[in-house]
Full PDB file with SEQRES, HELIX, SHEET, SSBOND, CRYST1, ORIGX, SCALE, CONECT and MASTER records, all heavy atoms in Angstrom:
SEQRES   1 A   41  ALA ALA GLY VAL THR ALA SER PRO SER THR THR SER SER          
SEQRES   2 A   41  ALA PRO THR GLY GLY ASP PRO SER SER ALA ALA SER LEU          
SEQRES   3 A   41  THR VAL ALA LYS ASP ALA LYS LEU GLY SER LEU VAL ILE          
SEQRES   4 A   41  ASP GLY                                                      
HELIX    1 AA1 PRO A    8  THR A   10  5                                   3    
SHEET    1 AA1 2 THR A  27  ASP A  31  0                                        
SHEET    2 AA1 2 GLY A  35  ILE A  39 -1                                        
CRYST1    1.000    1.000    1.000  90.00  90.00  90.00 P 1           1          
ORIGX1      1.000000  0.000000  0.000000        0.00000                         
ORIGX2      0.000000  1.000000  0.000000        0.00000                         
ORIGX3      0.000000  0.000000  1.000000        0.00000                         
SCALE1      1.000000  0.000000  0.000000        0.00000                         
SCALE2      0.000000  1.000000  0.000000        0.00000                         
SCALE3      0.000000  0.000000  1.000000        0.00000                         
ATOM      1  N   ALA A   1      -6.819 -13.375   0.362  1.00  0.00           N  
ATOM      2  CA  ALA A   1      -6.211 -13.751  -0.880  1.00  0.00           C  
ATOM      3  C   ALA A   1      -5.203 -12.655  -1.298  1.00  0.00           C  
ATOM      4  O   ALA A   1      -5.388 -11.519  -1.128  1.00  0.00           O  
ATOM      5  CB  ALA A   1      -7.352 -13.747  -1.982  1.00  0.00           C  
ATOM      6  N   ALA A   2      -4.101 -13.229  -1.870  1.00  0.00           N  
ATOM      7  CA  ALA A   2      -3.055 -12.228  -2.349  1.00  0.00           C  
ATOM      8  C   ALA A   2      -3.531 -11.517  -3.473  1.00  0.00           C  
ATOM      9  O   ALA A   2      -4.369 -11.918  -4.267  1.00  0.00           O  
ATOM     10  CB  ALA A   2      -1.825 -13.077  -2.763  1.00  0.00           C  
ATOM     11  N   GLY A   3      -3.124 -10.243  -3.615  1.00  0.00           N  
ATOM     12  CA  GLY A   3      -3.459  -9.392  -4.707  1.00  0.00           C  
ATOM     13  C   GLY A   3      -4.741  -8.763  -4.695  1.00  0.00           C  
ATOM     14  O   GLY A   3      -5.169  -8.132  -5.695  1.00  0.00           O  
ATOM     15  N   VAL A   4      -5.423  -8.781  -3.496  1.00  0.00           N  
ATOM     16  CA  VAL A   4      -6.683  -8.139  -3.409  1.00  0.00           C  
ATOM     17  C   VAL A   4      -6.456  -6.605  -3.452  1.00  0.00           C  
ATOM     18  O   VAL A   4      -5.492  -6.092  -2.883  1.00  0.00           O  
ATOM     19  CB  VAL A   4      -7.320  -8.480  -2.035  1.00  0.00           C  
ATOM     20  CG1 VAL A   4      -8.634  -7.654  -1.863  1.00  0.00           C  
ATOM     21  CG2 VAL A   4      -7.693  -9.937  -2.010  1.00  0.00           C  
ATOM     22  N   THR A   5      -7.280  -5.891  -4.197  1.00  0.00           N  
ATOM     23  CA  THR A   5      -7.066  -4.452  -4.378  1.00  0.00           C  
ATOM     24  C   THR A   5      -8.176  -3.663  -3.629  1.00  0.00           C  
ATOM     25  O   THR A   5      -9.220  -4.189  -3.312  1.00  0.00           O  
ATOM     26  CB  THR A   5      -7.071  -4.146  -5.828  1.00  0.00           C  
ATOM     27  OG1 THR A   5      -8.336  -4.473  -6.370  1.00  0.00           O  
ATOM     28  CG2 THR A   5      -5.963  -4.752  -6.521  1.00  0.00           C  
ATOM     29  N   ALA A   6      -7.849  -2.506  -3.343  1.00  0.00           N  
ATOM     30  CA  ALA A   6      -8.789  -1.551  -2.549  1.00  0.00           C  
ATOM     31  C   ALA A   6      -9.807  -1.172  -3.690  1.00  0.00           C  
ATOM     32  O   ALA A   6      -9.701  -1.161  -4.818  1.00  0.00           O  
ATOM     33  CB  ALA A   6      -8.124  -0.384  -2.070  1.00  0.00           C  
ATOM     34  N   SER A   7     -11.054  -0.759  -3.072  1.00  0.00           N  
ATOM     35  CA  SER A   7     -12.066  -0.292  -3.999  1.00  0.00           C  
ATOM     36  C   SER A   7     -11.721   1.011  -4.620  1.00  0.00           C  
ATOM     37  O   SER A   7     -10.916   1.726  -4.034  1.00  0.00           O  
ATOM     38  CB  SER A   7     -13.381  -0.133  -3.088  1.00  0.00           C  
ATOM     39  OG  SER A   7     -13.109   0.892  -2.168  1.00  0.00           O  
ATOM     40  N   PRO A   8     -12.283   1.435  -5.713  1.00  0.00           N  
ATOM     41  CA  PRO A   8     -11.904   2.678  -6.380  1.00  0.00           C  
ATOM     42  C   PRO A   8     -12.003   3.808  -5.502  1.00  0.00           C  
ATOM     43  O   PRO A   8     -11.262   4.810  -5.567  1.00  0.00           O  
ATOM     44  CB  PRO A   8     -12.896   2.698  -7.507  1.00  0.00           C  
ATOM     45  CG  PRO A   8     -13.274   1.325  -7.814  1.00  0.00           C  
ATOM     46  CD  PRO A   8     -13.263   0.565  -6.445  1.00  0.00           C  
ATOM     47  N   SER A   9     -13.009   3.843  -4.529  1.00  0.00           N  
ATOM     48  CA  SER A   9     -13.161   4.966  -3.684  1.00  0.00           C  
ATOM     49  C   SER A   9     -12.070   5.184  -2.694  1.00  0.00           C  
ATOM     50  O   SER A   9     -11.945   6.313  -2.070  1.00  0.00           O  
ATOM     51  CB  SER A   9     -14.480   4.881  -2.984  1.00  0.00           C  
ATOM     52  OG  SER A   9     -14.463   3.716  -2.063  1.00  0.00           O  
ATOM     53  N   THR A  10     -11.209   4.161  -2.483  1.00  0.00           N  
ATOM     54  CA  THR A  10     -10.142   4.329  -1.502  1.00  0.00           C  
ATOM     55  C   THR A  10      -8.757   4.225  -2.146  1.00  0.00           C  
ATOM     56  O   THR A  10      -7.736   4.142  -1.441  1.00  0.00           O  
ATOM     57  CB  THR A  10     -10.263   3.203  -0.461  1.00  0.00           C  
ATOM     58  OG1 THR A  10     -10.090   1.900  -1.120  1.00  0.00           O  
ATOM     59  CG2 THR A  10     -11.584   3.248   0.312  1.00  0.00           C  
ATOM     60  N   THR A  11      -8.732   4.260  -3.477  1.00  0.00           N  
ATOM     61  CA  THR A  11      -7.413   4.102  -4.153  1.00  0.00           C  
ATOM     62  C   THR A  11      -6.982   5.381  -4.900  1.00  0.00           C  
ATOM     63  O   THR A  11      -7.862   5.971  -5.605  1.00  0.00           O  
ATOM     64  CB  THR A  11      -7.472   2.902  -5.190  1.00  0.00           C  
ATOM     65  OG1 THR A  11      -7.911   1.735  -4.523  1.00  0.00           O  
ATOM     66  CG2 THR A  11      -6.193   2.697  -5.822  1.00  0.00           C  
ATOM     67  N   SER A  12      -5.828   5.749  -4.798  1.00  0.00           N  
ATOM     68  CA  SER A  12      -5.319   6.862  -5.513  1.00  0.00           C  
ATOM     69  C   SER A  12      -4.168   6.416  -6.439  1.00  0.00           C  
ATOM     70  O   SER A  12      -3.418   5.504  -6.081  1.00  0.00           O  
ATOM     71  CB  SER A  12      -4.785   7.858  -4.559  1.00  0.00           C  
ATOM     72  OG  SER A  12      -4.015   8.918  -5.265  1.00  0.00           O  
ATOM     73  N   SER A  13      -4.082   6.982  -7.600  1.00  0.00           N  
ATOM     74  CA  SER A  13      -2.958   6.647  -8.572  1.00  0.00           C  
ATOM     75  C   SER A  13      -1.614   7.252  -8.182  1.00  0.00           C  
ATOM     76  O   SER A  13      -0.672   6.876  -8.660  1.00  0.00           O  
ATOM     77  CB  SER A  13      -3.402   6.999  -9.984  1.00  0.00           C  
ATOM     78  OG  SER A  13      -3.620   8.396 -10.094  1.00  0.00           O  
ATOM     79  N   ALA A  14      -1.734   8.266  -7.371  1.00  0.00           N  
ATOM     80  CA  ALA A  14      -0.441   8.938  -6.977  1.00  0.00           C  
ATOM     81  C   ALA A  14       0.221   8.268  -5.819  1.00  0.00           C  
ATOM     82  O   ALA A  14      -0.306   7.971  -4.795  1.00  0.00           O  
ATOM     83  CB  ALA A  14      -0.807  10.399  -6.605  1.00  0.00           C  
ATOM     84  N   PRO A  15       1.535   7.890  -6.070  1.00  0.00           N  
ATOM     85  CA  PRO A  15       2.197   7.151  -5.004  1.00  0.00           C  
ATOM     86  C   PRO A  15       2.642   7.986  -3.862  1.00  0.00           C  
ATOM     87  O   PRO A  15       3.000   7.447  -2.790  1.00  0.00           O  
ATOM     88  CB  PRO A  15       3.415   6.566  -5.752  1.00  0.00           C  
ATOM     89  CG  PRO A  15       3.690   7.589  -6.840  1.00  0.00           C  
ATOM     90  CD  PRO A  15       2.295   8.086  -7.225  1.00  0.00           C  
ATOM     91  N   THR A  16       2.766   9.255  -4.017  1.00  0.00           N  
ATOM     92  CA  THR A  16       3.175  10.148  -2.884  1.00  0.00           C  
ATOM     93  C   THR A  16       2.341  11.395  -2.781  1.00  0.00           C  
ATOM     94  O   THR A  16       1.312  11.502  -3.630  1.00  0.00           O  
ATOM     95  CB  THR A  16       4.583  10.598  -3.100  1.00  0.00           C  
ATOM     96  OG1 THR A  16       4.672  11.321  -4.403  1.00  0.00           O  
ATOM     97  CG2 THR A  16       5.517   9.378  -3.220  1.00  0.00           C  
ATOM     98  N   GLY A  17       2.629  12.290  -1.815  1.00  0.00           N  
ATOM     99  CA  GLY A  17       2.011  13.568  -1.740  1.00  0.00           C  
ATOM    100  C   GLY A  17       1.015  13.712  -0.608  1.00  0.00           C  
ATOM    101  O   GLY A  17       0.923  12.751   0.174  1.00  0.00           O  
ATOM    102  N   GLY A  18       0.201  14.636  -0.577  1.00  0.00           N  
ATOM    103  CA  GLY A  18      -0.692  14.916   0.541  1.00  0.00           C  
ATOM    104  C   GLY A  18      -2.045  14.230   0.458  1.00  0.00           C  
ATOM    105  O   GLY A  18      -2.759  14.350   1.421  1.00  0.00           O  
ATOM    106  N   ASP A  19      -2.375  13.688  -0.616  1.00  0.00           N  
ATOM    107  CA  ASP A  19      -3.678  13.001  -0.665  1.00  0.00           C  
ATOM    108  C   ASP A  19      -3.731  11.762   0.268  1.00  0.00           C  
ATOM    109  O   ASP A  19      -2.983  10.899   0.232  1.00  0.00           O  
ATOM    110  CB  ASP A  19      -3.876  12.455  -2.094  1.00  0.00           C  
ATOM    111  CG  ASP A  19      -5.152  11.726  -2.340  1.00  0.00           C  
ATOM    112  OD1 ASP A  19      -6.045  11.623  -1.305  1.00  0.00           O  
ATOM    113  OD2 ASP A  19      -5.520  11.329  -3.367  1.00  0.00           O  
ATOM    114  N   PRO A  20      -4.576  11.787   1.264  1.00  0.00           N  
ATOM    115  CA  PRO A  20      -4.563  10.799   2.308  1.00  0.00           C  
ATOM    116  C   PRO A  20      -5.149   9.507   1.860  1.00  0.00           C  
ATOM    117  O   PRO A  20      -5.150   8.484   2.467  1.00  0.00           O  
ATOM    118  CB  PRO A  20      -5.515  11.390   3.478  1.00  0.00           C  
ATOM    119  CG  PRO A  20      -6.413  12.333   2.716  1.00  0.00           C  
ATOM    120  CD  PRO A  20      -5.553  12.925   1.657  1.00  0.00           C  
ATOM    121  N   SER A  21      -5.861   9.481   0.623  1.00  0.00           N  
ATOM    122  CA  SER A  21      -6.449   8.279   0.108  1.00  0.00           C  
ATOM    123  C   SER A  21      -5.253   7.539  -0.566  1.00  0.00           C  
ATOM    124  O   SER A  21      -4.631   8.011  -1.448  1.00  0.00           O  
ATOM    125  CB  SER A  21      -7.510   8.582  -0.879  1.00  0.00           C  
ATOM    126  OG  SER A  21      -8.579   9.155  -0.324  1.00  0.00           O  
ATOM    127  N   SER A  22      -4.998   6.305  -0.051  1.00  0.00           N  
ATOM    128  CA  SER A  22      -3.954   5.501  -0.715  1.00  0.00           C  
ATOM    129  C   SER A  22      -4.458   4.128  -0.920  1.00  0.00           C  
ATOM    130  O   SER A  22      -5.458   3.788  -0.400  1.00  0.00           O  
ATOM    131  CB  SER A  22      -2.719   5.501   0.241  1.00  0.00           C  
ATOM    132  OG  SER A  22      -3.061   4.966   1.475  1.00  0.00           O  
ATOM    133  N   ALA A  23      -3.780   3.383  -1.771  1.00  0.00           N  
ATOM    134  CA  ALA A  23      -4.175   2.006  -1.969  1.00  0.00           C  
ATOM    135  C   ALA A  23      -4.102   1.294  -0.712  1.00  0.00           C  
ATOM    136  O   ALA A  23      -3.115   1.160  -0.008  1.00  0.00           O  
ATOM    137  CB  ALA A  23      -3.134   1.338  -3.013  1.00  0.00           C  
ATOM    138  N   ALA A  24      -5.257   0.758  -0.318  1.00  0.00           N  
ATOM    139  CA  ALA A  24      -5.496   0.198   1.032  1.00  0.00           C  
ATOM    140  C   ALA A  24      -5.290  -1.359   1.028  1.00  0.00           C  
ATOM    141  O   ALA A  24      -5.718  -1.966   2.018  1.00  0.00           O  
ATOM    142  CB  ALA A  24      -6.792   0.614   1.635  1.00  0.00           C  
ATOM    143  N   SER A  25      -4.781  -1.872   0.000  1.00  0.00           N  
ATOM    144  CA  SER A  25      -4.584  -3.422   0.021  1.00  0.00           C  
ATOM    145  C   SER A  25      -3.113  -3.579   0.549  1.00  0.00           C  
ATOM    146  O   SER A  25      -2.160  -3.089  -0.058  1.00  0.00           O  
ATOM    147  CB  SER A  25      -4.682  -3.999  -1.368  1.00  0.00           C  
ATOM    148  OG  SER A  25      -4.396  -5.293  -1.316  1.00  0.00           O  
ATOM    149  N   LEU A  26      -2.966  -4.192   1.745  1.00  0.00           N  
ATOM    150  CA  LEU A  26      -1.649  -4.194   2.412  1.00  0.00           C  
ATOM    151  C   LEU A  26      -0.941  -5.539   2.184  1.00  0.00           C  
ATOM    152  O   LEU A  26      -1.571  -6.557   1.914  1.00  0.00           O  
ATOM    153  CB  LEU A  26      -1.858  -4.120   3.856  1.00  0.00           C  
ATOM    154  CG  LEU A  26      -2.729  -2.885   4.296  1.00  0.00           C  
ATOM    155  CD1 LEU A  26      -2.714  -2.796   5.863  1.00  0.00           C  
ATOM    156  CD2 LEU A  26      -2.240  -1.554   3.785  1.00  0.00           C  
ATOM    157  N   THR A  27       0.439  -5.498   2.175  1.00  0.00           N  
ATOM    158  CA  THR A  27       1.182  -6.697   2.120  1.00  0.00           C  
ATOM    159  C   THR A  27       2.518  -6.442   2.884  1.00  0.00           C  
ATOM    160  O   THR A  27       2.681  -5.393   3.488  1.00  0.00           O  
ATOM    161  CB  THR A  27       1.370  -7.068   0.631  1.00  0.00           C  
ATOM    162  OG1 THR A  27       2.081  -8.368   0.599  1.00  0.00           O  
ATOM    163  CG2 THR A  27       2.362  -6.116  -0.088  1.00  0.00           C  
ATOM    164  N   VAL A  28       3.420  -7.326   2.722  1.00  0.00           N  
ATOM    165  CA  VAL A  28       4.683  -7.180   3.416  1.00  0.00           C  
ATOM    166  C   VAL A  28       5.856  -7.178   2.580  1.00  0.00           C  
ATOM    167  O   VAL A  28       5.880  -7.926   1.509  1.00  0.00           O  
ATOM    168  CB  VAL A  28       4.782  -8.396   4.512  1.00  0.00           C  
ATOM    169  CG1 VAL A  28       6.183  -8.273   5.152  1.00  0.00           C  
ATOM    170  CG2 VAL A  28       3.780  -8.323   5.547  1.00  0.00           C  
ATOM    171  N   ALA A  29       6.865  -6.244   2.772  1.00  0.00           N  
ATOM    172  CA  ALA A  29       8.047  -6.284   2.047  1.00  0.00           C  
ATOM    173  C   ALA A  29       9.147  -6.427   3.030  1.00  0.00           C  
ATOM    174  O   ALA A  29       9.035  -6.220   4.188  1.00  0.00           O  
ATOM    175  CB  ALA A  29       8.192  -4.998   1.321  1.00  0.00           C  
ATOM    176  N   LYS A  30      10.468  -6.696   2.478  1.00  0.00           N  
ATOM    177  CA  LYS A  30      11.581  -6.949   3.334  1.00  0.00           C  
ATOM    178  C   LYS A  30      12.626  -5.737   3.121  1.00  0.00           C  
ATOM    179  O   LYS A  30      12.874  -5.368   1.927  1.00  0.00           O  
ATOM    180  CB  LYS A  30      12.344  -8.202   3.016  1.00  0.00           C  
ATOM    181  CG  LYS A  30      11.445  -9.430   3.312  1.00  0.00           C  
ATOM    182  CD  LYS A  30      11.213  -9.625   4.803  1.00  0.00           C  
ATOM    183  CE  LYS A  30      12.204 -10.657   5.386  1.00  0.00           C  
ATOM    184  NZ  LYS A  30      11.883 -10.928   6.728  1.00  0.00           N  
ATOM    185  N   ASP A  31      12.990  -5.080   4.161  1.00  0.00           N  
ATOM    186  CA  ASP A  31      14.015  -4.086   4.087  1.00  0.00           C  
ATOM    187  C   ASP A  31      15.250  -4.617   4.653  1.00  0.00           C  
ATOM    188  O   ASP A  31      15.159  -5.342   5.683  1.00  0.00           O  
ATOM    189  CB  ASP A  31      13.507  -2.880   4.867  1.00  0.00           C  
ATOM    190  CG  ASP A  31      14.501  -1.683   4.856  1.00  0.00           C  
ATOM    191  OD1 ASP A  31      14.477  -0.957   3.890  1.00  0.00           O  
ATOM    192  OD2 ASP A  31      15.271  -1.562   5.800  1.00  0.00           O  
ATOM    193  N   ALA A  32      16.345  -4.231   4.062  1.00  0.00           N  
ATOM    194  CA  ALA A  32      17.695  -4.767   4.489  1.00  0.00           C  
ATOM    195  C   ALA A  32      18.023  -4.488   5.872  1.00  0.00           C  
ATOM    196  O   ALA A  32      18.607  -5.362   6.628  1.00  0.00           O  
ATOM    197  CB  ALA A  32      18.818  -4.218   3.574  1.00  0.00           C  
ATOM    198  N   LYS A  33      17.595  -3.378   6.465  1.00  0.00           N  
ATOM    199  CA  LYS A  33      17.836  -3.004   7.767  1.00  0.00           C  
ATOM    200  C   LYS A  33      16.736  -3.219   8.810  1.00  0.00           C  
ATOM    201  O   LYS A  33      16.917  -3.646   9.950  1.00  0.00           O  
ATOM    202  CB  LYS A  33      18.258  -1.473   7.908  1.00  0.00           C  
ATOM    203  CG  LYS A  33      19.564  -1.187   7.224  1.00  0.00           C  
ATOM    204  CD  LYS A  33      19.939   0.267   7.442  1.00  0.00           C  
ATOM    205  CE  LYS A  33      21.297   0.558   6.748  1.00  0.00           C  
ATOM    206  NZ  LYS A  33      21.648   1.991   6.930  1.00  0.00           N  
ATOM    207  N   LEU A  34      15.493  -3.070   8.301  1.00  0.00           N  
ATOM    208  CA  LEU A  34      14.355  -3.097   9.163  1.00  0.00           C  
ATOM    209  C   LEU A  34      13.624  -4.466   9.179  1.00  0.00           C  
ATOM    210  O   LEU A  34      12.756  -4.660  10.099  1.00  0.00           O  
ATOM    211  CB  LEU A  34      13.258  -2.000   8.778  1.00  0.00           C  
ATOM    212  CG  LEU A  34      13.867  -0.518   8.842  1.00  0.00           C  
ATOM    213  CD1 LEU A  34      12.847   0.423   8.477  1.00  0.00           C  
ATOM    214  CD2 LEU A  34      14.382  -0.182  10.291  1.00  0.00           C  
ATOM    215  N   GLY A  35      13.925  -5.234   8.215  1.00  0.00           N  
ATOM    216  CA  GLY A  35      13.286  -6.552   8.083  1.00  0.00           C  
ATOM    217  C   GLY A  35      11.834  -6.401   7.500  1.00  0.00           C  
ATOM    218  O   GLY A  35      11.707  -5.594   6.623  1.00  0.00           O  
ATOM    219  N   SER A  36      10.877  -7.206   7.998  1.00  0.00           N  
ATOM    220  CA  SER A  36       9.540  -7.174   7.465  1.00  0.00           C  
ATOM    221  C   SER A  36       8.842  -5.901   7.824  1.00  0.00           C  
ATOM    222  O   SER A  36       8.870  -5.525   8.986  1.00  0.00           O  
ATOM    223  CB  SER A  36       8.871  -8.486   7.967  1.00  0.00           C  
ATOM    224  OG  SER A  36       9.454  -9.579   7.521  1.00  0.00           O  
ATOM    225  N   LEU A  37       8.251  -5.307   6.918  1.00  0.00           N  
ATOM    226  CA  LEU A  37       7.509  -4.025   7.222  1.00  0.00           C  
ATOM    227  C   LEU A  37       6.223  -4.030   6.257  1.00  0.00           C  
ATOM    228  O   LEU A  37       6.250  -4.726   5.185  1.00  0.00           O  
ATOM    229  CB  LEU A  37       8.232  -2.764   7.031  1.00  0.00           C  
ATOM    230  CG  LEU A  37       9.165  -2.606   5.766  1.00  0.00           C  
ATOM    231  CD1 LEU A  37       8.337  -2.143   4.656  1.00  0.00           C  
ATOM    232  CD2 LEU A  37      10.252  -1.616   6.107  1.00  0.00           C  
ATOM    233  N   VAL A  38       5.245  -3.348   6.641  1.00  0.00           N  
ATOM    234  CA  VAL A  38       3.904  -3.223   5.834  1.00  0.00           C  
ATOM    235  C   VAL A  38       4.061  -2.181   4.799  1.00  0.00           C  
ATOM    236  O   VAL A  38       4.548  -1.090   5.046  1.00  0.00           O  
ATOM    237  CB  VAL A  38       2.777  -2.965   6.828  1.00  0.00           C  
ATOM    238  CG1 VAL A  38       1.478  -2.874   6.042  1.00  0.00           C  
ATOM    239  CG2 VAL A  38       2.649  -3.995   7.953  1.00  0.00           C  
ATOM    240  N   ILE A  39       3.599  -2.549   3.630  1.00  0.00           N  
ATOM    241  CA  ILE A  39       3.476  -1.575   2.518  1.00  0.00           C  
ATOM    242  C   ILE A  39       2.061  -1.595   1.931  1.00  0.00           C  
ATOM    243  O   ILE A  39       1.238  -2.506   2.275  1.00  0.00           O  
ATOM    244  CB  ILE A  39       4.510  -1.869   1.385  1.00  0.00           C  
ATOM    245  CG1 ILE A  39       4.265  -3.237   0.827  1.00  0.00           C  
ATOM    246  CG2 ILE A  39       5.891  -1.710   1.913  1.00  0.00           C  
ATOM    247  CD1 ILE A  39       5.100  -3.633  -0.385  1.00  0.00           C  
ATOM    248  N   ASP A  40       1.724  -0.560   1.221  1.00  0.00           N  
ATOM    249  CA  ASP A  40       0.351  -0.530   0.716  1.00  0.00           C  
ATOM    250  C   ASP A  40       0.370  -1.019  -0.714  1.00  0.00           C  
ATOM    251  O   ASP A  40       1.362  -1.549  -1.175  1.00  0.00           O  
ATOM    252  CB  ASP A  40      -0.194   1.059   0.737  1.00  0.00           C  
ATOM    253  CG  ASP A  40       0.570   1.906  -0.229  1.00  0.00           C  
ATOM    254  OD1 ASP A  40       1.344   1.496  -1.124  1.00  0.00           O  
ATOM    255  OD2 ASP A  40       0.343   3.182  -0.075  1.00  0.00           O  
ATOM    256  N   GLY A  41      -0.781  -0.898  -1.368  1.00  0.00           N  
ATOM    257  CA  GLY A  41      -0.936  -1.522  -2.652  1.00  0.00           C  
ATOM    258  C   GLY A  41      -0.092  -0.809  -3.759  1.00  0.00           C  
ATOM    259  O   GLY A  41       0.006  -1.332  -4.877  1.00  0.00           O  
TER     260      GLY A  41                                                      
MASTER        0    0    0    1    2    0    0    6  259    1    0    4          
END                                                                             
């Protein structure tokens, strides 16, 4: 299902930085040069 989110234990509110815990709900975005690529939640 679209829009599924990761559990609280695996989600961080910080979009960057050294915290290895990141939103683990994956989807696809389009980049002008690279085409389809995977992004996190």
